[in-house]
Amino acid sequence: MIPAAAGLDPPARRLLAIAQRVADAHRGIDDASLMACVSGSIVDNIADARSDVDMSVVFATPPEEPVLREACRRAGGEWFWQSGDLEEGLVVSFHVDGVEVQIGYSREAGLAAMLDEVLVRHNPDTPNHKLAEGILKAMPLAGADRLEALQRRLAAFPPELGRAMVVHGLAAPVSWRGISQLLHRDAGLWCRELQTDACYRFLLVLHGLNRRYFTRFQVKRMQRVVSMLAIAPPQLAGRIDTLLAAPHREAFVALHGLEGEVIALVAQCMPDVDLSAVRKRREGFAPE
């Protein structure tokens, strides 16, 4: 048994075994630089019958595509989808024993550059947050020492990044005056779009306050994501679900209240953030 599998439930354990088989199939290409890891539902121990295997494979210099295809064939799979290239990053999918396996291939320098976008340049809104979050919690399949070095770096979440996420999430605040007008129009689809976008922005702000990486993709398991936020309004996930299903007037009233709580948390945790423009816009809400 793979040592990391000891504490996993059977579905996650089965997927981890497949991931290890795929990683082992890449040995012999460049073992000196190979790093392979698995993330997603496996490491969270929440895998089910619909779960796939989410892997990263890194080389100092990736080999030609036919070499990688052959490695996946040795593991029992044949690529049926791919996106990107080996220079900038290649993502492929194939099936092993009826399970979809997704591998993100990258070169060491390219991976470092993607993490620098978050850790050095403090980009608050990039898919590389998902990469950072995935690597931070990943299980090693090859090159454990190299993964550990990345995880130590990612664990030191930059305060500047958290602040940038908060500022970015509040940079396009809800236009409450415009919403008051929309409530008297035939604009149901637009209303729901505004509500949804605002909730995503609140989550970005809260993840910044909690110094956690965030992308919208993470909310496919929103209850779990929100449960990890020590700084957040109470019953946040349930309140978001409720307001997004409510009639639009009720939904915006609830959203206005939720925004006020998020702003209060920002004022408490990051008092240097200027909230004057956000507060001024809130005065324009007149739902009647």
C-alpha atoms as a PDB file:
ATOM      1  CA  MET A   1       0.000   0.000   0.000  1.00  0.00           C
ATOM      2  CA  ILE A   2       1.168   3.555  -0.725  1.00  0.00           C
ATOM      3  CA  PRO A   3       2.033   5.086   2.698  1.00  0.00           C
ATOM      4  CA  ALA A   4      -0.115   8.168   2.066  1.00  0.00           C
ATOM      5  CA  ALA A   5      -3.128   5.939   1.395  1.00  0.00           C
ATOM      6  CA  ALA A   6      -3.366   4.593   4.942  1.00  0.00           C
ATOM      7  CA  GLY A   7      -5.758   7.287   6.178  1.00  0.00           C
ATOM      8  CA  LEU A   8      -7.887   7.493   3.031  1.00  0.00           C
ATOM      9  CA  ASP A   9     -11.306   6.027   2.373  1.00  0.00           C
ATOM     10  CA  PRO A  10     -11.513   3.312  -0.321  1.00  0.00           C
ATOM     11  CA  PRO A  11     -12.582   5.624  -3.227  1.00  0.00           C
ATOM     12  CA  ALA A  12      -9.681   8.002  -2.628  1.00  0.00           C
ATOM     13  CA  ARG A  13      -7.287   5.114  -2.027  1.00  0.00           C
ATOM     14  CA  ARG A  14      -8.186   3.565  -5.395  1.00  0.00           C
ATOM     15  CA  LEU A  15      -7.624   6.854  -7.218  1.00  0.00           C
ATOM     16  CA  LEU A  16      -4.327   7.419  -5.429  1.00  0.00           C
ATOM     17  CA  ALA A  17      -3.118   4.008  -6.613  1.00  0.00           C
ATOM     18  CA  ILE A  18      -3.957   4.995 -10.201  1.00  0.00           C
ATOM     19  CA  ALA A  19      -2.108   8.294  -9.768  1.00  0.00           C
ATOM     20  CA  GLN A  20       0.959   6.482  -8.461  1.00  0.00           C
ATOM     21  CA  ARG A  21       0.869   4.104 -11.419  1.00  0.00           C
ATOM     22  CA  VAL A  22       0.778   7.066 -13.807  1.00  0.00           C
ATOM     23  CA  ALA A  23       3.648   8.800 -11.996  1.00  0.00           C
ATOM     24  CA  ASP A  24       5.759   5.626 -12.023  1.00  0.00           C
ATOM     25  CA  ALA A  25       5.196   5.333 -15.773  1.00  0.00           C
ATOM     26  CA  HIS A  26       7.061   8.649 -16.166  1.00  0.00           C
ATOM     27  CA  ARG A  27      10.181   7.374 -14.413  1.00  0.00           C
ATOM     28  CA  GLY A  28      13.199   6.861 -16.624  1.00  0.00           C
ATOM     29  CA  ILE A  29      12.571  10.050 -18.625  1.00  0.00           C
ATOM     30  CA  ASP A  30      14.511  12.395 -16.336  1.00  0.00           C
ATOM     31  CA  ASP A  31      14.401  11.078 -12.791  1.00  0.00           C
ATOM     32  CA  ALA A  32      16.828  13.758 -11.581  1.00  0.00           C
ATOM     33  CA  SER A  33      14.231  16.499 -12.102  1.00  0.00           C
ATOM     34  CA  LEU A  34      10.921  14.579 -12.090  1.00  0.00           C
ATOM     35  CA  MET A  35       8.317  15.853  -9.674  1.00  0.00           C
ATOM     36  CA  ALA A  36       4.844  14.324  -9.695  1.00  0.00           C
ATOM     37  CA  CYS A  37       2.020  14.980  -7.257  1.00  0.00           C
ATOM     38  CA  VAL A  38      -1.705  14.496  -6.899  1.00  0.00           C
ATOM     39  CA  SER A  39      -4.255  16.929  -5.490  1.00  0.00           C
ATOM     40  CA  GLY A  40      -8.008  17.505  -5.610  1.00  0.00           C
ATOM     41  CA  SER A  41     -10.588  15.239  -4.024  1.00  0.00           C
ATOM     42  CA  ILE A  42      -8.036  12.500  -3.346  1.00  0.00           C
ATOM     43  CA  VAL A  43      -5.986  14.488  -0.842  1.00  0.00           C
ATOM     44  CA  ASP A  44      -9.155  15.963   0.667  1.00  0.00           C
ATOM     45  CA  ASN A  45     -10.443  12.383   1.085  1.00  0.00           C
ATOM     46  CA  ILE A  46     -13.786  13.286  -0.478  1.00  0.00           C
ATOM     47  CA  ALA A  47     -13.497  11.289  -3.711  1.00  0.00           C
ATOM     48  CA  ASP A  48     -16.605   9.576  -5.038  1.00  0.00           C
ATOM     49  CA  ALA A  49     -17.698   7.728  -8.175  1.00  0.00           C
ATOM     50  CA  ARG A  50     -17.606  10.982 -10.187  1.00  0.00           C
ATOM     51  CA  SER A  51     -14.120  12.036  -9.106  1.00  0.00           C
ATOM     52  CA  ASP A  52     -11.140  12.152 -11.423  1.00  0.00           C
ATOM     53  CA  VAL A  53      -7.399  12.111 -10.788  1.00  0.00           C
ATOM     54  CA  ASP A  54      -5.854  15.596 -10.766  1.00  0.00           C
ATOM     55  CA  MET A  55      -2.065  15.433 -11.210  1.00  0.00           C
ATOM     56  CA  SER A  56       0.936  17.627 -11.903  1.00  0.00           C
ATOM     57  CA  VAL A  57       4.110  16.351 -13.563  1.00  0.00           C
ATOM     58  CA  VAL A  58       7.145  18.624 -13.731  1.00  0.00           C
ATOM     59  CA  PHE A  59      10.521  18.231 -15.458  1.00  0.00           C
ATOM     60  CA  ALA A  60      13.450  20.617 -15.751  1.00  0.00           C
ATOM     61  CA  THR A  61      12.961  20.267 -19.514  1.00  0.00           C
ATOM     62  CA  PRO A  62       9.912  18.255 -20.592  1.00  0.00           C
ATOM     63  CA  PRO A  63      10.539  15.654 -23.294  1.00  0.00           C
ATOM     64  CA  GLU A  64       8.831  15.665 -26.664  1.00  0.00           C
ATOM     65  CA  GLU A  65       5.109  14.965 -26.706  1.00  0.00           C
ATOM     66  CA  PRO A  66       5.428  11.376 -28.061  1.00  0.00           C
ATOM     67  CA  VAL A  67       7.522  10.457 -25.011  1.00  0.00           C
ATOM     68  CA  LEU A  68       4.819  11.692 -22.659  1.00  0.00           C
ATOM     69  CA  ARG A  69       2.100   9.952 -24.647  1.00  0.00           C
ATOM     70  CA  GLU A  70       4.014   6.691 -24.373  1.00  0.00           C
ATOM     71  CA  ALA A  71       4.386   7.110 -20.606  1.00  0.00           C
ATOM     72  CA  CYS A  72       0.617   7.432 -20.289  1.00  0.00           C
ATOM     73  CA  ARG A  73       0.144   4.370 -22.492  1.00  0.00           C
ATOM     74  CA  ARG A  74       2.370   2.407 -20.118  1.00  0.00           C
ATOM     75  CA  ALA A  75      -0.004   3.417 -17.323  1.00  0.00           C
ATOM     76  CA  GLY A  76      -2.937   2.159 -19.382  1.00  0.00           C
ATOM     77  CA  GLY A  77      -4.306   5.325 -20.990  1.00  0.00           C
ATOM     78  CA  GLU A  78      -4.489   7.113 -24.334  1.00  0.00           C
ATOM     79  CA  TRP A  79      -4.821  10.894 -24.553  1.00  0.00           C
ATOM     80  CA  PHE A  80      -8.259  11.970 -25.767  1.00  0.00           C
ATOM     81  CA  TRP A  81      -7.957  15.688 -24.944  1.00  0.00           C
ATOM     82  CA  GLN A  82      -5.147  18.188 -24.609  1.00  0.00           C
ATOM     83  CA  SER A  83      -4.723  21.944 -24.246  1.00  0.00           C
ATOM     84  CA  GLY A  84      -1.665  24.168 -24.342  1.00  0.00           C
ATOM     85  CA  ASP A  85       1.875  23.172 -25.216  1.00  0.00           C
ATOM     86  CA  LEU A  86       5.054  21.967 -23.550  1.00  0.00           C
ATOM     87  CA  GLU A  87       6.609  25.423 -23.655  1.00  0.00           C
ATOM     88  CA  GLU A  88       3.892  27.243 -21.690  1.00  0.00           C
ATOM     89  CA  GLY A  89       2.214  24.280 -19.986  1.00  0.00           C
ATOM     90  CA  LEU A  90       0.302  21.286 -21.329  1.00  0.00           C
ATOM     91  CA  VAL A  91      -2.837  19.732 -19.847  1.00  0.00           C
ATOM     92  CA  VAL A  92      -4.000  16.298 -21.031  1.00  0.00           C
ATOM     93  CA  SER A  93      -6.768  13.851 -20.177  1.00  0.00           C
ATOM     94  CA  PHE A  94      -7.006  10.080 -20.562  1.00  0.00           C
ATOM     95  CA  HIS A  95      -8.712   7.142 -18.880  1.00  0.00           C
ATOM     96  CA  VAL A  96      -7.126   4.477 -16.710  1.00  0.00           C
ATOM     97  CA  ASP A  97      -9.359   1.665 -15.449  1.00  0.00           C
ATOM     98  CA  GLY A  98     -12.415   3.757 -16.287  1.00  0.00           C
ATOM     99  CA  VAL A  99     -11.206   6.801 -14.330  1.00  0.00           C
ATOM    100  CA  GLU A 100     -10.357  10.083 -16.016  1.00  0.00           C
ATOM    101  CA  VAL A 101      -6.809  11.238 -15.290  1.00  0.00           C
ATOM    102  CA  GLN A 102      -5.828  14.863 -15.880  1.00  0.00           C
ATOM    103  CA  ILE A 103      -2.160  15.812 -15.926  1.00  0.00           C
ATOM    104  CA  GLY A 104      -0.761  19.298 -15.995  1.00  0.00           C
ATOM    105  CA  TYR A 105       2.738  19.072 -17.496  1.00  0.00           C
ATOM    106  CA  SER A 106       5.149  21.945 -16.913  1.00  0.00           C
ATOM    107  CA  ARG A 107       8.821  22.809 -16.802  1.00  0.00           C
ATOM    108  CA  GLU A 108      10.456  23.846 -13.527  1.00  0.00           C
ATOM    109  CA  ALA A 109      11.074  27.407 -14.694  1.00  0.00           C
ATOM    110  CA  GLY A 110       7.533  27.779 -15.989  1.00  0.00           C
ATOM    111  CA  LEU A 111       6.028  26.522 -12.749  1.00  0.00           C
ATOM    112  CA  ALA A 112       8.201  28.916 -10.757  1.00  0.00           C
ATOM    113  CA  ALA A 113       7.045  31.810 -12.953  1.00  0.00           C
ATOM    114  CA  MET A 114       3.376  30.924 -12.424  1.00  0.00           C
ATOM    115  CA  LEU A 115       3.843  30.826  -8.659  1.00  0.00           C
ATOM    116  CA  ASP A 116       5.775  34.114  -8.781  1.00  0.00           C
ATOM    117  CA  GLU A 117       2.689  35.743 -10.295  1.00  0.00           C
ATOM    118  CA  VAL A 118       0.934  35.055  -7.006  1.00  0.00           C
ATOM    119  CA  LEU A 119       3.735  35.123  -4.435  1.00  0.00           C
ATOM    120  CA  VAL A 120       5.878  37.935  -5.862  1.00  0.00           C
ATOM    121  CA  ARG A 121       3.631  40.014  -8.127  1.00  0.00           C
ATOM    122  CA  HIS A 122       0.605  39.478  -5.856  1.00  0.00           C
ATOM    123  CA  ASN A 123      -1.914  39.072  -8.668  1.00  0.00           C
ATOM    124  CA  PRO A 124      -5.249  38.797  -6.824  1.00  0.00           C
ATOM    125  CA  ASP A 125      -7.282  37.295  -9.653  1.00  0.00           C
ATOM    126  CA  THR A 126      -5.493  34.616 -11.683  1.00  0.00           C
ATOM    127  CA  PRO A 127      -6.023  30.879 -12.293  1.00  0.00           C
ATOM    128  CA  ASN A 128      -2.611  30.407 -10.709  1.00  0.00           C
ATOM    129  CA  HIS A 129      -4.332  30.671  -7.325  1.00  0.00           C
ATOM    130  CA  LYS A 130      -5.815  27.266  -8.113  1.00  0.00           C
ATOM    131  CA  LEU A 131      -2.351  25.977  -8.965  1.00  0.00           C
ATOM    132  CA  ALA A 132      -0.986  27.346  -5.693  1.00  0.00           C
ATOM    133  CA  GLU A 133      -3.827  25.879  -3.647  1.00  0.00           C
ATOM    134  CA  GLY A 134      -3.461  22.511  -5.364  1.00  0.00           C
ATOM    135  CA  ILE A 135       0.289  22.262  -4.834  1.00  0.00           C
ATOM    136  CA  LEU A 136       0.040  23.422  -1.220  1.00  0.00           C
ATOM    137  CA  LYS A 137      -2.098  20.429  -0.260  1.00  0.00           C
ATOM    138  CA  ALA A 138      -0.722  17.917  -2.804  1.00  0.00           C
ATOM    139  CA  MET A 139       0.612  14.427  -2.047  1.00  0.00           C
ATOM    140  CA  PRO A 140       4.006  13.538  -3.563  1.00  0.00           C
ATOM    141  CA  LEU A 141       4.252  10.697  -6.079  1.00  0.00           C
ATOM    142  CA  ALA A 142       7.833  11.421  -7.212  1.00  0.00           C
ATOM    143  CA  GLY A 143      10.373  14.058  -6.208  1.00  0.00           C
ATOM    144  CA  ALA A 144       8.977  14.574  -2.695  1.00  0.00           C
ATOM    145  CA  ASP A 145      11.795  16.928  -1.687  1.00  0.00           C
ATOM    146  CA  ARG A 146      11.034  19.278  -4.584  1.00  0.00           C
ATOM    147  CA  LEU A 147       7.326  19.321  -3.696  1.00  0.00           C
ATOM    148  CA  GLU A 148       8.124  20.045  -0.058  1.00  0.00           C
ATOM    149  CA  ALA A 149      10.221  23.054  -1.067  1.00  0.00           C
ATOM    150  CA  LEU A 150       7.308  24.461  -3.083  1.00  0.00           C
ATOM    151  CA  GLN A 151       4.878  23.828  -0.256  1.00  0.00           C
ATOM    152  CA  ARG A 152       7.069  25.634   2.265  1.00  0.00           C
ATOM    153  CA  ARG A 153       7.136  28.631  -0.042  1.00  0.00           C
ATOM    154  CA  LEU A 154       3.370  28.588  -0.624  1.00  0.00           C
ATOM    155  CA  ALA A 155       2.604  28.175   3.073  1.00  0.00           C
ATOM    156  CA  ALA A 156       4.135  31.615   3.682  1.00  0.00           C
ATOM    157  CA  PHE A 157       1.100  33.445   2.279  1.00  0.00           C
ATOM    158  CA  PRO A 158       2.211  37.046   1.523  1.00  0.00           C
ATOM    159  CA  PRO A 159       0.244  39.692   3.470  1.00  0.00           C
ATOM    160  CA  GLU A 160       0.523  41.889   0.367  1.00  0.00           C
ATOM    161  CA  LEU A 161      -1.372  39.273  -1.635  1.00  0.00           C
ATOM    162  CA  GLY A 162      -4.163  39.150   0.940  1.00  0.00           C
ATOM    163  CA  ARG A 163      -4.527  42.920   0.813  1.00  0.00           C
ATOM    164  CA  ALA A 164      -4.503  42.910  -2.996  1.00  0.00           C
ATOM    165  CA  MET A 165      -7.323  40.335  -2.995  1.00  0.00           C
ATOM    166  CA  VAL A 166      -9.397  42.481  -0.636  1.00  0.00           C
ATOM    167  CA  VAL A 167      -8.846  45.657  -2.639  1.00  0.00           C
ATOM    168  CA  HIS A 168      -9.564  43.896  -5.943  1.00  0.00           C
ATOM    169  CA  GLY A 169     -12.738  42.321  -4.593  1.00  0.00           C
ATOM    170  CA  LEU A 170     -14.019  45.735  -3.549  1.00  0.00           C
ATOM    171  CA  ALA A 171     -12.735  47.611  -6.612  1.00  0.00           C
ATOM    172  CA  ALA A 172     -15.976  47.145  -8.564  1.00  0.00           C
ATOM    173  CA  PRO A 173     -18.498  47.382  -5.717  1.00  0.00           C
ATOM    174  CA  VAL A 174     -22.155  46.686  -6.225  1.00  0.00           C
ATOM    175  CA  SER A 175     -23.916  49.643  -7.886  1.00  0.00           C
ATOM    176  CA  TRP A 176     -26.767  49.915  -5.420  1.00  0.00           C
ATOM    177  CA  ARG A 177     -28.370  52.919  -7.111  1.00  0.00           C
ATOM    178  CA  GLY A 178     -28.492  51.015 -10.398  1.00  0.00           C
ATOM    179  CA  ILE A 179     -29.931  47.943  -8.674  1.00  0.00           C
ATOM    180  CA  SER A 180     -32.736  50.032  -7.200  1.00  0.00           C
ATOM    181  CA  GLN A 181     -33.680  50.947 -10.765  1.00  0.00           C
ATOM    182  CA  LEU A 182     -33.327  47.398 -12.121  1.00  0.00           C
ATOM    183  CA  LEU A 183     -35.876  46.127  -9.614  1.00  0.00           C
ATOM    184  CA  HIS A 184     -38.514  48.062 -11.539  1.00  0.00           C
ATOM    185  CA  ARG A 185     -37.479  46.637 -14.909  1.00  0.00           C
ATOM    186  CA  ASP A 186     -37.804  43.302 -16.678  1.00  0.00           C
ATOM    187  CA  ALA A 187     -34.188  42.439 -15.862  1.00  0.00           C
ATOM    188  CA  GLY A 188     -34.347  39.163 -13.973  1.00  0.00           C
ATOM    189  CA  LEU A 189     -31.337  37.598 -15.693  1.00  0.00           C
ATOM    190  CA  TRP A 190     -29.219  40.685 -15.149  1.00  0.00           C
ATOM    191  CA  CYS A 191     -30.249  40.835 -11.493  1.00  0.00           C
ATOM    192  CA  ARG A 192     -29.167  37.245 -10.897  1.00  0.00           C
ATOM    193  CA  GLU A 193     -25.859  37.896 -12.661  1.00  0.00           C
ATOM    194  CA  LEU A 194     -25.153  40.867 -10.396  1.00  0.00           C
ATOM    195  CA  GLN A 195     -26.018  38.846  -7.300  1.00  0.00           C
ATOM    196  CA  THR A 196     -23.776  35.976  -8.341  1.00  0.00           C
ATOM    197  CA  ASP A 197     -20.838  38.218  -9.229  1.00  0.00           C
ATOM    198  CA  ALA A 198     -21.140  40.071  -5.925  1.00  0.00           C
ATOM    199  CA  CYS A 199     -21.057  36.788  -3.987  1.00  0.00           C
ATOM    200  CA  TYR A 200     -17.916  35.709  -5.834  1.00  0.00           C
ATOM    201  CA  ARG A 201     -16.307  39.047  -4.985  1.00  0.00           C
ATOM    202  CA  PHE A 202     -17.248  38.713  -1.320  1.00  0.00           C
ATOM    203  CA  LEU A 203     -15.587  35.284  -1.280  1.00  0.00           C
ATOM    204  CA  LEU A 204     -12.440  36.753  -2.843  1.00  0.00           C
ATOM    205  CA  VAL A 205     -12.346  39.456  -0.170  1.00  0.00           C
ATOM    206  CA  LEU A 206     -12.853  36.928   2.623  1.00  0.00           C
ATOM    207  CA  HIS A 207     -10.148  34.634   1.285  1.00  0.00           C
ATOM    208  CA  GLY A 208      -7.809  37.623   1.246  1.00  0.00           C
ATOM    209  CA  LEU A 209      -8.659  38.366   4.893  1.00  0.00           C
ATOM    210  CA  ASN A 210      -8.022  34.723   5.756  1.00  0.00           C
ATOM    211  CA  ARG A 211      -4.832  34.567   3.663  1.00  0.00           C
ATOM    212  CA  ARG A 212      -6.048  31.702   1.532  1.00  0.00           C
ATOM    213  CA  TYR A 213      -5.687  31.245  -2.232  1.00  0.00           C
ATOM    214  CA  PHE A 214      -8.937  31.554  -4.177  1.00  0.00           C
ATOM    215  CA  THR A 215     -10.425  30.978  -7.604  1.00  0.00           C
ATOM    216  CA  ARG A 216     -14.078  30.711  -8.543  1.00  0.00           C
ATOM    217  CA  PHE A 217     -13.504  27.099  -9.500  1.00  0.00           C
ATOM    218  CA  GLN A 218     -13.222  26.184  -5.818  1.00  0.00           C
ATOM    219  CA  VAL A 219     -16.881  26.835  -5.063  1.00  0.00           C
ATOM    220  CA  LYS A 220     -17.958  23.578  -6.673  1.00  0.00           C
ATOM    221  CA  ARG A 221     -17.780  22.499  -3.001  1.00  0.00           C
ATOM    222  CA  MET A 222     -18.814  25.784  -1.409  1.00  0.00           C
ATOM    223  CA  GLN A 223     -19.770  24.453   2.018  1.00  0.00           C
ATOM    224  CA  ARG A 224     -16.306  22.963   2.394  1.00  0.00           C
ATOM    225  CA  VAL A 225     -14.527  26.073   1.133  1.00  0.00           C
ATOM    226  CA  VAL A 226     -16.470  28.426   3.384  1.00  0.00           C
ATOM    227  CA  SER A 227     -15.975  26.188   6.417  1.00  0.00           C
ATOM    228  CA  MET A 228     -12.234  26.887   6.196  1.00  0.00           C
ATOM    229  CA  LEU A 229     -12.706  30.660   6.585  1.00  0.00           C
ATOM    230  CA  ALA A 230     -12.158  31.639  10.203  1.00  0.00           C
ATOM    231  CA  ILE A 231     -13.014  35.254   9.334  1.00  0.00           C
ATOM    232  CA  ALA A 232     -16.438  35.313   7.663  1.00  0.00           C
ATOM    233  CA  PRO A 233     -20.068  36.291   8.292  1.00  0.00           C
ATOM    234  CA  PRO A 234     -22.034  33.557  10.107  1.00  0.00           C
ATOM    235  CA  GLN A 235     -23.816  30.871   8.045  1.00  0.00           C
ATOM    236  CA  LEU A 236     -22.234  32.335   4.915  1.00  0.00           C
ATOM    237  CA  ALA A 237     -22.680  29.399   2.515  1.00  0.00           C
ATOM    238  CA  GLY A 238     -26.341  28.891   3.428  1.00  0.00           C
ATOM    239  CA  ARG A 239     -27.082  32.589   3.148  1.00  0.00           C
ATOM    240  CA  ILE A 240     -25.547  32.742  -0.326  1.00  0.00           C
ATOM    241  CA  ASP A 241     -27.585  29.733  -1.470  1.00  0.00           C
ATOM    242  CA  THR A 242     -30.757  31.258  -0.035  1.00  0.00           C
ATOM    243  CA  LEU A 243     -30.345  34.692  -1.582  1.00  0.00           C
ATOM    244  CA  LEU A 244     -29.529  33.266  -5.006  1.00  0.00           C
ATOM    245  CA  ALA A 245     -32.827  31.367  -4.935  1.00  0.00           C
ATOM    246  CA  ALA A 246     -34.912  34.224  -3.507  1.00  0.00           C
ATOM    247  CA  PRO A 247     -37.062  36.727  -5.449  1.00  0.00           C
ATOM    248  CA  HIS A 248     -34.833  39.532  -6.647  1.00  0.00           C
ATOM    249  CA  ARG A 249     -36.001  42.220  -4.217  1.00  0.00           C
ATOM    250  CA  GLU A 250     -35.463  39.926  -1.239  1.00  0.00           C
ATOM    251  CA  ALA A 251     -32.169  38.732  -2.679  1.00  0.00           C
ATOM    252  CA  PHE A 252     -30.768  42.244  -3.000  1.00  0.00           C
ATOM    253  CA  VAL A 253     -31.879  43.166   0.519  1.00  0.00           C
ATOM    254  CA  ALA A 254     -30.025  40.103   1.803  1.00  0.00           C
ATOM    255  CA  LEU A 255     -27.017  40.905  -0.403  1.00  0.00           C
ATOM    256  CA  HIS A 256     -26.909  44.470   0.903  1.00  0.00           C
ATOM    257  CA  GLY A 257     -26.808  43.151   4.461  1.00  0.00           C
ATOM    258  CA  LEU A 258     -24.151  40.582   3.642  1.00  0.00           C
ATOM    259  CA  GLU A 259     -21.972  43.197   1.973  1.00  0.00           C
ATOM    260  CA  GLY A 260     -22.224  45.334   5.090  1.00  0.00           C
ATOM    261  CA  GLU A 261     -20.917  42.463   7.209  1.00  0.00           C
ATOM    262  CA  VAL A 262     -18.035  41.827   4.807  1.00  0.00           C
ATOM    263  CA  ILE A 263     -17.103  45.522   4.862  1.00  0.00           C
ATOM    264  CA  ALA A 264     -17.174  45.499   8.661  1.00  0.00           C
ATOM    265  CA  LEU A 265     -14.737  42.576   8.696  1.00  0.00           C
ATOM    266  CA  VAL A 266     -12.413  44.398   6.298  1.00  0.00           C
ATOM    267  CA  ALA A 267     -12.517  47.502   8.512  1.00  0.00           C
ATOM    268  CA  GLN A 268     -11.671  45.373  11.523  1.00  0.00           C
ATOM    269  CA  CYS A 269      -8.889  43.270   9.962  1.00  0.00           C
ATOM    270  CA  MET A 270      -7.407  45.722   7.456  1.00  0.00           C
ATOM    271  CA  PRO A 271      -8.149  49.207   8.776  1.00  0.00           C
ATOM    272  CA  ASP A 272      -5.795  50.786   6.221  1.00  0.00           C
ATOM    273  CA  VAL A 273      -8.077  49.803   3.303  1.00  0.00           C
ATOM    274  CA  ASP A 274     -10.104  52.812   2.110  1.00  0.00           C
ATOM    275  CA  LEU A 275     -13.795  51.853   2.251  1.00  0.00           C
ATOM    276  CA  SER A 276     -15.279  55.300   1.674  1.00  0.00           C
ATOM    277  CA  ALA A 277     -16.328  54.690  -1.948  1.00  0.00           C
ATOM    278  CA  VAL A 278     -17.946  51.353  -1.095  1.00  0.00           C
ATOM    279  CA  ARG A 279     -19.873  52.862   1.803  1.00  0.00           C
ATOM    280  CA  LYS A 280     -20.987  55.814  -0.322  1.00  0.00           C
ATOM    281  CA  ARG A 281     -22.418  53.518  -3.000  1.00  0.00           C
ATOM    282  CA  ARG A 282     -24.343  51.566  -0.396  1.00  0.00           C
ATOM    283  CA  GLU A 283     -26.348  54.689   0.391  1.00  0.00           C
ATOM    284  CA  GLY A 284     -27.931  54.510  -3.054  1.00  0.00           C
ATOM    285  CA  PHE A 285     -29.955  51.364  -2.290  1.00  0.00           C
ATOM    286  CA  ALA A 286     -33.680  52.130  -2.204  1.00  0.00           C
ATOM    287  CA  PRO A 287     -35.530  48.853  -2.879  1.00  0.00           C
ATOM    288  CA  GLU A 288     -39.014  50.337  -2.560  1.00  0.00           C
END
